[in-house]
Amino acid sequence: MIITRTPMRVSFFGGGTDYPEYFERHGGAVLGTAIDKCAYHSVTRFYSGLFDYSIRIAYREVECVKRVEDIRHDPFRECLRYCGVERDIEVGYSAELPGFTGLGSSATFVVGLLNALHAYRGRFVAPLELAHQAIEIERDILKDPVGCQDQTFAAVGGLNLIEFRGKREIVVHRVCVSDARRRELEAHLMIFYTGIQRRSASVTKGQIARVSENGDRLARMRAIVDEGHRVLTGSGPLSAFGALLHESWRLKAELDAGVADENLWSLYSAGLEAGALGGKLLGAGGGGFLLFFVPPERREAVRARLARLPEISVSINAPGSQVIHA
């Protein structure tokens, strides 16, 4: 049995500049981190001659089919086809957090499945190449209007500044901070679940259509990536990081009306009123998880103000997709 573990991610700055529609003309970058909340894939060989099906896949549903083409779950089907697996295989999937919530789970799914299938076939694929393959499947084969940061974080892991210079030119810069600085950053992060699940495509289509119109906003969002990196790697107070999150989120919300509705703005405002210095909706927007940057002494006040929302804790700088059993 092959088992892979693949992280989800939290993006701090630069989301929106990681779409080829933007970075192939202007260059893009993001600052973010893989987190310790993961998805798991298991791959097992079985002998289809003993069954009335050739492929079994298990996720929220179970599909037992005779041909790859008969699989209803699009990413499962296309990943199996991409890796040349046609029969005699059983694949299972589970995740620690729900999908369609802004943590890059769709890309995590594809990266983890590709890694498992390659391992099953006896092949090692380097992390960045794994990211490129996942981008190809999501954007070119499945035609999903996704960015390119999620696949990269899922594949390479870490706390990174990632530059997008071209569709096949992604450069990962590890953010080198001390353990004390990393713990300080983690102590300022609070993440709450809004209870709203949404497919990012429903939000990103509008943003992509307005890339030219939003040129100045996106350029400023790209610049904030470098400013956030300087704050994080410097020795000064981290409060400036929170202020940059607030500025970046306001710019993101201006990209398209679908990014945040009145209810989401109300939740965000409640967090600020309780003591958060900044924050954002994770992912494309529209729902999912809400990140706040909160001085440690104000955490309880924010938690009390948002008591009706489930809270999760995360550790940052998690490793990328790994084969943990073979």
C-alpha atoms as a PDB file:
ATOM      1  CA  MET A   1       0.000   0.000   0.000  1.00  0.00           C
ATOM      2  CA  ILE A   2       1.181   3.492  -0.902  1.00  0.00           C
ATOM      3  CA  ILE A   3       0.071   6.319   1.410  1.00  0.00           C
ATOM      4  CA  THR A   4       0.786   9.990   0.785  1.00  0.00           C
ATOM      5  CA  ARG A   5       0.300  12.981   3.066  1.00  0.00           C
ATOM      6  CA  THR A   6      -0.100  16.388   1.412  1.00  0.00           C
ATOM      7  CA  PRO A   7      -0.505  19.755   3.166  1.00  0.00           C
ATOM      8  CA  MET A   8      -3.066  22.470   2.711  1.00  0.00           C
ATOM      9  CA  ARG A   9      -1.886  26.080   2.723  1.00  0.00           C
ATOM     10  CA  VAL A  10      -2.470  29.553   4.111  1.00  0.00           C
ATOM     11  CA  SER A  11      -1.728  32.394   1.705  1.00  0.00           C
ATOM     12  CA  PHE A  12      -0.844  35.721   3.294  1.00  0.00           C
ATOM     13  CA  PHE A  13      -0.128  38.048   0.353  1.00  0.00           C
ATOM     14  CA  GLY A  14      -0.187  38.121  -3.442  1.00  0.00           C
ATOM     15  CA  GLY A  15      -3.177  35.914  -4.201  1.00  0.00           C
ATOM     16  CA  GLY A  16      -4.559  36.984  -7.569  1.00  0.00           C
ATOM     17  CA  THR A  17      -1.109  37.614  -9.066  1.00  0.00           C
ATOM     18  CA  ASP A  18      -0.568  33.833  -9.367  1.00  0.00           C
ATOM     19  CA  TYR A  19      -2.934  33.513 -12.336  1.00  0.00           C
ATOM     20  CA  PRO A  20      -1.210  33.111 -15.716  1.00  0.00           C
ATOM     21  CA  GLU A  21      -3.606  35.695 -17.110  1.00  0.00           C
ATOM     22  CA  TYR A  22      -1.731  38.191 -14.928  1.00  0.00           C
ATOM     23  CA  PHE A  23       1.791  36.917 -14.260  1.00  0.00           C
ATOM     24  CA  GLU A  24       2.615  36.019 -17.861  1.00  0.00           C
ATOM     25  CA  ARG A  25       2.363  39.739 -18.625  1.00  0.00           C
ATOM     26  CA  HIS A  26       3.490  41.371 -15.387  1.00  0.00           C
ATOM     27  CA  GLY A  27       5.057  38.730 -13.149  1.00  0.00           C
ATOM     28  CA  GLY A  28       3.480  37.650  -9.884  1.00  0.00           C
ATOM     29  CA  ALA A  29       4.399  36.455  -6.408  1.00  0.00           C
ATOM     30  CA  VAL A  30       2.806  35.178  -3.214  1.00  0.00           C
ATOM     31  CA  LEU A  31       3.909  34.871   0.389  1.00  0.00           C
ATOM     32  CA  GLY A  32       2.375  31.984   2.294  1.00  0.00           C
ATOM     33  CA  THR A  33       2.907  28.683   4.040  1.00  0.00           C
ATOM     34  CA  ALA A  34       2.008  25.043   3.955  1.00  0.00           C
ATOM     35  CA  ILE A  35       0.201  24.073   7.170  1.00  0.00           C
ATOM     36  CA  ASP A  36      -0.051  20.931   9.276  1.00  0.00           C
ATOM     37  CA  LYS A  37      -3.600  20.141   8.111  1.00  0.00           C
ATOM     38  CA  CYS A  38      -3.355  17.515   5.387  1.00  0.00           C
ATOM     39  CA  ALA A  39      -5.036  15.224   2.911  1.00  0.00           C
ATOM     40  CA  TYR A  40      -4.211  11.535   2.596  1.00  0.00           C
ATOM     41  CA  HIS A  41      -4.316   9.173  -0.372  1.00  0.00           C
ATOM     42  CA  SER A  42      -3.899   5.407  -0.240  1.00  0.00           C
ATOM     43  CA  VAL A  43      -3.259   3.271  -3.291  1.00  0.00           C
ATOM     44  CA  THR A  44      -3.536  -0.511  -3.260  1.00  0.00           C
ATOM     45  CA  ARG A  45      -3.317  -3.138  -5.978  1.00  0.00           C
ATOM     46  CA  PHE A  46      -6.123  -5.653  -6.234  1.00  0.00           C
ATOM     47  CA  TYR A  47      -6.947  -8.411  -8.705  1.00  0.00           C
ATOM     48  CA  SER A  48      -9.896  -7.391 -10.807  1.00  0.00           C
ATOM     49  CA  GLY A  49     -10.354 -10.909 -12.143  1.00  0.00           C
ATOM     50  CA  LEU A  50     -11.961 -11.733  -8.808  1.00  0.00           C
ATOM     51  CA  PHE A  51     -14.406  -8.815  -8.946  1.00  0.00           C
ATOM     52  CA  ASP A  52     -16.959  -7.383 -11.344  1.00  0.00           C
ATOM     53  CA  TYR A  53     -15.053  -4.079 -11.538  1.00  0.00           C
ATOM     54  CA  SER A  54     -11.477  -3.025 -12.300  1.00  0.00           C
ATOM     55  CA  ILE A  55     -11.092   0.233 -10.366  1.00  0.00           C
ATOM     56  CA  ARG A  56     -12.388   1.212  -6.935  1.00  0.00           C
ATOM     57  CA  ILE A  57     -12.118   4.749  -5.599  1.00  0.00           C
ATOM     58  CA  ALA A  58     -13.369   5.932  -2.234  1.00  0.00           C
ATOM     59  CA  TYR A  59     -13.915   9.524  -1.134  1.00  0.00           C
ATOM     60  CA  ARG A  60     -17.232  10.913   0.103  1.00  0.00           C
ATOM     61  CA  GLU A  61     -18.708   8.368  -2.277  1.00  0.00           C
ATOM     62  CA  VAL A  62     -17.462   5.002  -3.513  1.00  0.00           C
ATOM     63  CA  GLU A  63     -17.140   4.273  -7.219  1.00  0.00           C
ATOM     64  CA  CYS A  64     -16.504   0.782  -8.583  1.00  0.00           C
ATOM     65  CA  VAL A  65     -16.021   0.914 -12.340  1.00  0.00           C
ATOM     66  CA  LYS A  66     -14.612  -1.181 -15.156  1.00  0.00           C
ATOM     67  CA  ARG A  67     -12.946   1.650 -17.083  1.00  0.00           C
ATOM     68  CA  VAL A  68     -11.205   4.906 -16.191  1.00  0.00           C
ATOM     69  CA  GLU A  69     -13.646   6.757 -18.472  1.00  0.00           C
ATOM     70  CA  ASP A  70     -16.537   5.623 -16.268  1.00  0.00           C
ATOM     71  CA  ILE A  71     -15.267   7.475 -13.166  1.00  0.00           C
ATOM     72  CA  ARG A  72     -17.581  10.366 -12.309  1.00  0.00           C
ATOM     73  CA  HIS A  73     -15.104  12.239 -10.077  1.00  0.00           C
ATOM     74  CA  ASP A  74     -13.244  14.402 -12.589  1.00  0.00           C
ATOM     75  CA  PRO A  75      -9.865  14.850 -10.812  1.00  0.00           C
ATOM     76  CA  PHE A  76      -9.692  11.144  -9.925  1.00  0.00           C
ATOM     77  CA  ARG A  77     -10.413  10.181 -13.521  1.00  0.00           C
ATOM     78  CA  GLU A  78      -7.926  12.567 -15.100  1.00  0.00           C
ATOM     79  CA  CYS A  79      -5.111  11.819 -12.631  1.00  0.00           C
ATOM     80  CA  LEU A  80      -5.439   8.082 -13.259  1.00  0.00           C
ATOM     81  CA  ARG A  81      -5.460   8.699 -16.989  1.00  0.00           C
ATOM     82  CA  TYR A  82      -2.491  11.096 -16.754  1.00  0.00           C
ATOM     83  CA  CYS A  83      -0.417   8.505 -14.867  1.00  0.00           C
ATOM     84  CA  GLY A  84      -1.362   5.665 -17.200  1.00  0.00           C
ATOM     85  CA  VAL A  85      -3.239   3.613 -14.609  1.00  0.00           C
ATOM     86  CA  GLU A  86      -6.118   1.706 -16.216  1.00  0.00           C
ATOM     87  CA  ARG A  87      -7.112  -1.154 -13.903  1.00  0.00           C
ATOM     88  CA  ASP A  88      -6.356  -3.295 -10.851  1.00  0.00           C
ATOM     89  CA  ILE A  89      -6.174  -0.388  -8.444  1.00  0.00           C
ATOM     90  CA  GLU A  90      -8.006   0.827  -5.362  1.00  0.00           C
ATOM     91  CA  VAL A  91      -7.582   4.453  -4.247  1.00  0.00           C
ATOM     92  CA  GLY A  92      -8.833   6.065  -1.058  1.00  0.00           C
ATOM     93  CA  TYR A  93      -8.953   9.710  -0.010  1.00  0.00           C
ATOM     94  CA  SER A  94      -9.503  11.468   3.309  1.00  0.00           C
ATOM     95  CA  ALA A  95      -8.770  14.969   4.595  1.00  0.00           C
ATOM     96  CA  GLU A  96      -8.531  16.705   7.966  1.00  0.00           C
ATOM     97  CA  LEU A  97     -10.535  19.745   6.846  1.00  0.00           C
ATOM     98  CA  PRO A  98     -13.422  20.244   4.397  1.00  0.00           C
ATOM     99  CA  GLY A  99     -12.860  21.198   0.792  1.00  0.00           C
ATOM    100  CA  PHE A 100     -13.886  24.388  -1.030  1.00  0.00           C
ATOM    101  CA  THR A 101     -12.945  26.517   1.992  1.00  0.00           C
ATOM    102  CA  GLY A 102      -9.943  28.552   0.822  1.00  0.00           C
ATOM    103  CA  LEU A 103      -7.098  26.313   2.001  1.00  0.00           C
ATOM    104  CA  GLY A 104      -6.094  25.053  -1.436  1.00  0.00           C
ATOM    105  CA  SER A 105      -7.689  21.637  -0.893  1.00  0.00           C
ATOM    106  CA  SER A 106      -8.449  21.022  -4.574  1.00  0.00           C
ATOM    107  CA  ALA A 107      -4.782  21.396  -5.492  1.00  0.00           C
ATOM    108  CA  THR A 108      -3.783  19.388  -2.422  1.00  0.00           C
ATOM    109  CA  PHE A 109      -6.023  16.589  -3.691  1.00  0.00           C
ATOM    110  CA  VAL A 110      -4.462  16.551  -7.165  1.00  0.00           C
ATOM    111  CA  VAL A 111      -0.854  16.833  -5.943  1.00  0.00           C
ATOM    112  CA  GLY A 112      -1.303  14.084  -3.353  1.00  0.00           C
ATOM    113  CA  LEU A 113      -3.031  11.750  -5.785  1.00  0.00           C
ATOM    114  CA  LEU A 114      -0.377  12.276  -8.464  1.00  0.00           C
ATOM    115  CA  ASN A 115       2.365  11.628  -5.927  1.00  0.00           C
ATOM    116  CA  ALA A 116       0.662   8.400  -4.810  1.00  0.00           C
ATOM    117  CA  LEU A 117       0.072   7.162  -8.351  1.00  0.00           C
ATOM    118  CA  HIS A 118       3.643   7.903  -9.430  1.00  0.00           C
ATOM    119  CA  ALA A 119       4.937   6.032  -6.384  1.00  0.00           C
ATOM    120  CA  TYR A 120       2.606   3.148  -7.203  1.00  0.00           C
ATOM    121  CA  ARG A 121       4.148   3.022 -10.682  1.00  0.00           C
ATOM    122  CA  GLY A 122       7.643   3.068  -9.164  1.00  0.00           C
ATOM    123  CA  ARG A 123       8.432   6.615 -10.263  1.00  0.00           C
ATOM    124  CA  PHE A 124       9.838   9.542  -8.286  1.00  0.00           C
ATOM    125  CA  VAL A 125       8.751  12.993  -9.436  1.00  0.00           C
ATOM    126  CA  ALA A 126      10.541  16.055  -8.030  1.00  0.00           C
ATOM    127  CA  PRO A 127       8.279  18.364  -5.993  1.00  0.00           C
ATOM    128  CA  LEU A 128       8.267  21.316  -8.375  1.00  0.00           C
ATOM    129  CA  GLU A 129       7.574  19.038 -11.341  1.00  0.00           C
ATOM    130  CA  LEU A 130       4.713  17.559  -9.336  1.00  0.00           C
ATOM    131  CA  ALA A 131       3.330  21.092  -8.968  1.00  0.00           C
ATOM    132  CA  HIS A 132       3.622  21.704 -12.719  1.00  0.00           C
ATOM    133  CA  GLN A 133       1.774  18.459 -13.464  1.00  0.00           C
ATOM    134  CA  ALA A 134      -1.022  19.382 -11.062  1.00  0.00           C
ATOM    135  CA  ILE A 135      -1.329  22.825 -12.675  1.00  0.00           C
ATOM    136  CA  GLU A 136      -1.552  21.177 -16.087  1.00  0.00           C
ATOM    137  CA  ILE A 137      -4.317  18.849 -14.945  1.00  0.00           C
ATOM    138  CA  GLU A 138      -6.354  21.544 -13.194  1.00  0.00           C
ATOM    139  CA  ARG A 139      -5.988  24.317 -15.746  1.00  0.00           C
ATOM    140  CA  ASP A 140      -5.430  22.593 -19.102  1.00  0.00           C
ATOM    141  CA  ILE A 141      -7.309  19.312 -18.712  1.00  0.00           C
ATOM    142  CA  LEU A 142     -10.072  20.089 -16.219  1.00  0.00           C
ATOM    143  CA  LYS A 143     -10.309  23.707 -17.417  1.00  0.00           C
ATOM    144  CA  ASP A 144     -10.606  25.088 -13.883  1.00  0.00           C
ATOM    145  CA  PRO A 145      -9.688  28.811 -13.682  1.00  0.00           C
ATOM    146  CA  VAL A 146      -7.305  28.335 -10.767  1.00  0.00           C
ATOM    147  CA  GLY A 147      -4.086  30.052  -9.795  1.00  0.00           C
ATOM    148  CA  CYS A 148      -0.731  28.342  -9.461  1.00  0.00           C
ATOM    149  CA  GLN A 149       0.234  28.882  -5.832  1.00  0.00           C
ATOM    150  CA  ASP A 150      -1.858  26.106  -4.257  1.00  0.00           C
ATOM    151  CA  GLN A 151      -0.256  23.303  -6.247  1.00  0.00           C
ATOM    152  CA  THR A 152       3.202  24.694  -5.490  1.00  0.00           C
ATOM    153  CA  PHE A 153       2.680  24.910  -1.733  1.00  0.00           C
ATOM    154  CA  ALA A 154       1.140  21.414  -1.679  1.00  0.00           C
ATOM    155  CA  ALA A 155       4.090  19.940  -3.564  1.00  0.00           C
ATOM    156  CA  VAL A 156       7.079  21.762  -2.051  1.00  0.00           C
ATOM    157  CA  GLY A 157       5.735  22.669   1.404  1.00  0.00           C
ATOM    158  CA  GLY A 158       7.391  25.289   3.577  1.00  0.00           C
ATOM    159  CA  LEU A 159       7.069  28.977   4.357  1.00  0.00           C
ATOM    160  CA  ASN A 160       7.827  30.609   1.022  1.00  0.00           C
ATOM    161  CA  LEU A 161       7.897  33.597  -1.229  1.00  0.00           C
ATOM    162  CA  ILE A 162       6.993  32.091  -4.601  1.00  0.00           C
ATOM    163  CA  GLU A 163       7.619  33.998  -7.822  1.00  0.00           C
ATOM    164  CA  PHE A 164       5.635  33.305 -10.985  1.00  0.00           C
ATOM    165  CA  ARG A 165       7.729  34.425 -13.941  1.00  0.00           C
ATOM    166  CA  GLY A 166       6.073  32.239 -16.576  1.00  0.00           C
ATOM    167  CA  LYS A 167       3.836  29.185 -16.788  1.00  0.00           C
ATOM    168  CA  ARG A 168       6.841  26.859 -16.539  1.00  0.00           C
ATOM    169  CA  GLU A 169       9.003  29.237 -14.525  1.00  0.00           C
ATOM    170  CA  ILE A 170       8.029  29.109 -10.875  1.00  0.00           C
ATOM    171  CA  VAL A 171      10.754  30.049  -8.404  1.00  0.00           C
ATOM    172  CA  VAL A 172      10.442  29.081  -4.738  1.00  0.00           C
ATOM    173  CA  HIS A 173      12.310  31.195  -2.186  1.00  0.00           C
ATOM    174  CA  ARG A 174      12.327  29.658   1.283  1.00  0.00           C
ATOM    175  CA  VAL A 175      11.640  32.270   3.967  1.00  0.00           C
ATOM    176  CA  CYS A 176      14.381  31.821   6.534  1.00  0.00           C
ATOM    177  CA  VAL A 177      13.264  32.802  10.020  1.00  0.00           C
ATOM    178  CA  SER A 178      14.329  31.628  13.453  1.00  0.00           C
ATOM    179  CA  ASP A 179      12.213  29.179  15.424  1.00  0.00           C
ATOM    180  CA  ALA A 180      11.373  32.016  17.805  1.00  0.00           C
ATOM    181  CA  ARG A 181      10.149  34.226  14.931  1.00  0.00           C
ATOM    182  CA  ARG A 182       8.095  31.365  13.500  1.00  0.00           C
ATOM    183  CA  ARG A 183       6.461  30.739  16.872  1.00  0.00           C
ATOM    184  CA  GLU A 184       5.804  34.464  17.216  1.00  0.00           C
ATOM    185  CA  LEU A 185       4.010  34.489  13.866  1.00  0.00           C
ATOM    186  CA  GLU A 186       1.965  31.407  14.774  1.00  0.00           C
ATOM    187  CA  ALA A 187       0.967  33.052  18.065  1.00  0.00           C
ATOM    188  CA  HIS A 188      -0.596  35.918  16.091  1.00  0.00           C
ATOM    189  CA  LEU A 189      -2.678  33.739  13.736  1.00  0.00           C
ATOM    190  CA  MET A 190      -6.310  32.855  14.391  1.00  0.00           C
ATOM    191  CA  ILE A 191      -8.449  31.003  11.847  1.00  0.00           C
ATOM    192  CA  PHE A 192     -12.233  30.674  11.980  1.00  0.00           C
ATOM    193  CA  TYR A 193     -14.586  28.711   9.750  1.00  0.00           C
ATOM    194  CA  THR A 194     -17.445  30.758   8.313  1.00  0.00           C
ATOM    195  CA  GLY A 195     -19.416  27.614   7.453  1.00  0.00           C
ATOM    196  CA  ILE A 196     -19.652  28.651   3.803  1.00  0.00           C
ATOM    197  CA  GLN A 197     -18.290  26.241   1.187  1.00  0.00           C
ATOM    198  CA  ARG A 198     -17.850  27.419  -2.391  1.00  0.00           C
ATOM    199  CA  ARG A 199     -16.010  26.414  -5.532  1.00  0.00           C
ATOM    200  CA  SER A 200     -13.256  28.916  -6.226  1.00  0.00           C
ATOM    201  CA  ALA A 201     -14.134  28.943  -9.932  1.00  0.00           C
ATOM    202  CA  SER A 202     -17.362  30.755  -9.130  1.00  0.00           C
ATOM    203  CA  VAL A 203     -15.285  33.601  -7.640  1.00  0.00           C
ATOM    204  CA  THR A 204     -12.154  33.588  -9.788  1.00  0.00           C
ATOM    205  CA  LYS A 205     -13.889  33.880 -13.161  1.00  0.00           C
ATOM    206  CA  GLY A 206     -14.935  37.420 -12.358  1.00  0.00           C
ATOM    207  CA  GLN A 207     -11.469  38.336 -11.098  1.00  0.00           C
ATOM    208  CA  ILE A 208      -9.770  36.947 -14.203  1.00  0.00           C
ATOM    209  CA  ALA A 209     -12.173  38.808 -16.490  1.00  0.00           C
ATOM    210  CA  ARG A 210     -11.147  42.068 -14.794  1.00  0.00           C
ATOM    211  CA  VAL A 211      -7.356  41.580 -14.752  1.00  0.00           C
ATOM    212  CA  SER A 212      -6.699  44.616 -16.942  1.00  0.00           C
ATOM    213  CA  GLU A 213      -9.146  46.768 -15.011  1.00  0.00           C
ATOM    214  CA  ASN A 214      -7.518  45.727 -11.727  1.00  0.00           C
ATOM    215  CA  GLY A 215      -3.947  46.237 -12.912  1.00  0.00           C
ATOM    216  CA  ASP A 216      -3.042  48.885 -10.317  1.00  0.00           C
ATOM    217  CA  ARG A 217      -4.561  46.897  -7.456  1.00  0.00           C
ATOM    218  CA  LEU A 218      -2.753  43.721  -8.472  1.00  0.00           C
ATOM    219  CA  ALA A 219       0.533  45.587  -8.816  1.00  0.00           C
ATOM    220  CA  ARG A 220       0.156  46.920  -5.273  1.00  0.00           C
ATOM    221  CA  MET A 221      -0.737  43.420  -4.020  1.00  0.00           C
ATOM    222  CA  ARG A 222       2.452  42.123  -5.635  1.00  0.00           C
ATOM    223  CA  ALA A 223       4.494  44.860  -3.920  1.00  0.00           C
ATOM    224  CA  ILE A 224       2.984  43.955  -0.538  1.00  0.00           C
ATOM    225  CA  VAL A 225       4.502  40.477  -0.909  1.00  0.00           C
ATOM    226  CA  ASP A 226       8.005  41.975  -0.690  1.00  0.00           C
ATOM    227  CA  GLU A 227       7.012  44.276   2.160  1.00  0.00           C
ATOM    228  CA  GLY A 228       5.557  41.371   4.116  1.00  0.00           C
ATOM    229  CA  HIS A 229       8.723  39.365   3.525  1.00  0.00           C
ATOM    230  CA  ARG A 230      10.855  42.206   4.901  1.00  0.00           C
ATOM    231  CA  VAL A 231       8.693  42.450   8.018  1.00  0.00           C
ATOM    232  CA  LEU A 232       8.762  38.705   8.597  1.00  0.00           C
ATOM    233  CA  THR A 233      12.510  38.316   8.148  1.00  0.00           C
ATOM    234  CA  GLY A 234      13.385  41.513  10.030  1.00  0.00           C
ATOM    235  CA  SER A 235      13.778  42.057  13.744  1.00  0.00           C
ATOM    236  CA  GLY A 236      11.039  44.657  14.233  1.00  0.00           C
ATOM    237  CA  PRO A 237       7.543  44.086  15.647  1.00  0.00           C
ATOM    238  CA  LEU A 238       5.187  41.908  13.658  1.00  0.00           C
ATOM    239  CA  SER A 239       2.334  44.387  13.981  1.00  0.00           C
ATOM    240  CA  ALA A 240       3.217  45.753  10.534  1.00  0.00           C
ATOM    241  CA  PHE A 241       2.423  42.309   9.125  1.00  0.00           C
ATOM    242  CA  GLY A 242      -1.140  42.681  10.370  1.00  0.00           C
ATOM    243  CA  ALA A 243      -1.480  46.117   8.820  1.00  0.00           C
ATOM    244  CA  LEU A 244      -0.304  44.746   5.463  1.00  0.00           C
ATOM    245  CA  LEU A 245      -2.831  41.917   5.694  1.00  0.00           C
ATOM    246  CA  HIS A 246      -5.581  44.484   6.207  1.00  0.00           C
ATOM    247  CA  GLU A 247      -4.465  46.555   3.219  1.00  0.00           C
ATOM    248  CA  SER A 248      -4.065  43.512   1.005  1.00  0.00           C
ATOM    249  CA  TRP A 249      -7.495  42.175   1.952  1.00  0.00           C
ATOM    250  CA  ARG A 250      -9.201  45.466   1.108  1.00  0.00           C
ATOM    251  CA  LEU A 251      -7.488  45.434  -2.294  1.00  0.00           C
ATOM    252  CA  LYS A 252      -8.499  41.797  -2.857  1.00  0.00           C
ATOM    253  CA  ALA A 253     -12.116  42.583  -2.027  1.00  0.00           C
ATOM    254  CA  GLU A 254     -12.097  45.332  -4.670  1.00  0.00           C
ATOM    255  CA  LEU A 255     -11.112  42.896  -7.430  1.00  0.00           C
ATOM    256  CA  ASP A 256     -14.654  41.573  -7.788  1.00  0.00           C
ATOM    257  CA  ALA A 257     -17.953  41.875  -5.938  1.00  0.00           C
ATOM    258  CA  GLY A 258     -18.064  38.103  -5.403  1.00  0.00           C
ATOM    259  CA  VAL A 259     -15.043  38.112  -3.080  1.00  0.00           C
ATOM    260  CA  ALA A 260     -17.019  39.101   0.037  1.00  0.00           C
ATOM    261  CA  ASP A 261     -20.651  39.836   0.805  1.00  0.00           C
ATOM    262  CA  GLU A 262     -22.137  41.890   3.628  1.00  0.00           C
ATOM    263  CA  ASN A 263     -22.183  38.946   6.051  1.00  0.00           C
ATOM    264  CA  LEU A 264     -18.474  38.217   5.516  1.00  0.00           C
ATOM    265  CA  TRP A 265     -17.581  41.875   5.946  1.00  0.00           C
ATOM    266  CA  SER A 266     -19.552  41.886   9.182  1.00  0.00           C
ATOM    267  CA  LEU A 267     -17.523  38.944  10.519  1.00  0.00           C
ATOM    268  CA  TYR A 268     -14.281  40.584   9.462  1.00  0.00           C
ATOM    269  CA  SER A 269     -15.248  43.881  11.099  1.00  0.00           C
ATOM    270  CA  ALA A 270     -16.168  42.050  14.301  1.00  0.00           C
ATOM    271  CA  GLY A 271     -12.678  40.576  14.465  1.00  0.00           C
ATOM    272  CA  LEU A 272     -11.066  43.987  14.018  1.00  0.00           C
ATOM    273  CA  GLU A 273     -13.290  45.562  16.653  1.00  0.00           C
ATOM    274  CA  ALA A 274     -12.264  42.834  19.110  1.00  0.00           C
ATOM    275  CA  GLY A 275      -8.564  43.549  18.605  1.00  0.00           C
ATOM    276  CA  ALA A 276      -7.295  41.964  15.382  1.00  0.00           C
ATOM    277  CA  LEU A 277      -4.812  44.105  13.438  1.00  0.00           C
ATOM    278  CA  GLY A 278      -5.780  42.669  10.075  1.00  0.00           C
ATOM    279  CA  GLY A 279      -6.877  39.552   8.311  1.00  0.00           C
ATOM    280  CA  LYS A 280      -8.461  38.123   5.197  1.00  0.00           C
ATOM    281  CA  LEU A 281     -10.686  35.454   3.765  1.00  0.00           C
ATOM    282  CA  LEU A 282      -8.401  32.639   2.714  1.00  0.00           C
ATOM    283  CA  GLY A 283      -8.425  31.591  -0.905  1.00  0.00           C
ATOM    284  CA  ALA A 284     -10.370  33.252  -3.682  1.00  0.00           C
ATOM    285  CA  GLY A 285     -13.063  34.589  -1.362  1.00  0.00           C
ATOM    286  CA  GLY A 286     -16.778  34.019  -1.100  1.00  0.00           C
ATOM    287  CA  GLY A 287     -16.578  31.989   2.115  1.00  0.00           C
ATOM    288  CA  GLY A 288     -14.418  29.355   3.728  1.00  0.00           C
ATOM    289  CA  PHE A 289     -11.897  30.171   6.451  1.00  0.00           C
ATOM    290  CA  LEU A 290     -11.294  33.634   7.869  1.00  0.00           C
ATOM    291  CA  LEU A 291      -7.754  34.463   9.006  1.00  0.00           C
ATOM    292  CA  PHE A 292      -7.005  37.128  11.613  1.00  0.00           C
ATOM    293  CA  PHE A 293      -3.689  38.552  12.771  1.00  0.00           C
ATOM    294  CA  VAL A 294      -4.131  39.130  16.502  1.00  0.00           C
ATOM    295  CA  PRO A 295      -1.735  40.253  19.256  1.00  0.00           C
ATOM    296  CA  PRO A 296      -1.574  37.356  21.763  1.00  0.00           C
ATOM    297  CA  GLU A 297      -3.084  39.453  24.561  1.00  0.00           C
ATOM    298  CA  ARG A 298      -6.196  40.085  22.418  1.00  0.00           C
ATOM    299  CA  ARG A 299      -6.826  36.508  21.318  1.00  0.00           C
ATOM    300  CA  GLU A 300      -9.436  35.756  23.966  1.00  0.00           C
ATOM    301  CA  ALA A 301     -11.401  38.880  23.089  1.00  0.00           C
ATOM    302  CA  VAL A 302     -11.459  37.937  19.408  1.00  0.00           C
ATOM    303  CA  ARG A 303     -12.383  34.353  20.273  1.00  0.00           C
ATOM    304  CA  ALA A 304     -15.264  35.543  22.445  1.00  0.00           C
ATOM    305  CA  ARG A 305     -16.536  37.936  19.763  1.00  0.00           C
ATOM    306  CA  LEU A 306     -16.557  35.177  17.138  1.00  0.00           C
ATOM    307  CA  ALA A 307     -17.667  32.411  19.498  1.00  0.00           C
ATOM    308  CA  ARG A 308     -20.280  31.065  17.086  1.00  0.00           C
ATOM    309  CA  LEU A 309     -17.596  30.249  14.505  1.00  0.00           C
ATOM    310  CA  PRO A 310     -15.497  27.064  14.815  1.00  0.00           C
ATOM    311  CA  GLU A 311     -11.794  27.843  15.294  1.00  0.00           C
ATOM    312  CA  ILE A 312      -8.858  25.771  14.098  1.00  0.00           C
ATOM    313  CA  SER A 313      -5.218  26.030  15.125  1.00  0.00           C
ATOM    314  CA  VAL A 314      -2.405  25.460  12.639  1.00  0.00           C
ATOM    315  CA  SER A 315       1.339  25.107  12.575  1.00  0.00           C
ATOM    316  CA  ILE A 316       3.155  26.673   9.632  1.00  0.00           C
ATOM    317  CA  ASN A 317       6.159  25.609   7.524  1.00  0.00           C
ATOM    318  CA  ALA A 318       4.820  22.077   7.013  1.00  0.00           C
ATOM    319  CA  PRO A 319       6.592  19.718   4.589  1.00  0.00           C
ATOM    320  CA  GLY A 320       5.287  19.172   1.079  1.00  0.00           C
ATOM    321  CA  SER A 321       3.610  16.051  -0.265  1.00  0.00           C
ATOM    322  CA  GLN A 322       5.304  12.922   1.074  1.00  0.00           C
ATOM    323  CA  VAL A 323       5.047   9.183   0.645  1.00  0.00           C
ATOM    324  CA  ILE A 324       4.665   8.092   4.265  1.00  0.00           C
ATOM    325  CA  HIS A 325       4.117   4.395   3.597  1.00  0.00           C
ATOM    326  CA  ALA A 326       5.227   2.191   0.747  1.00  0.00           C
END
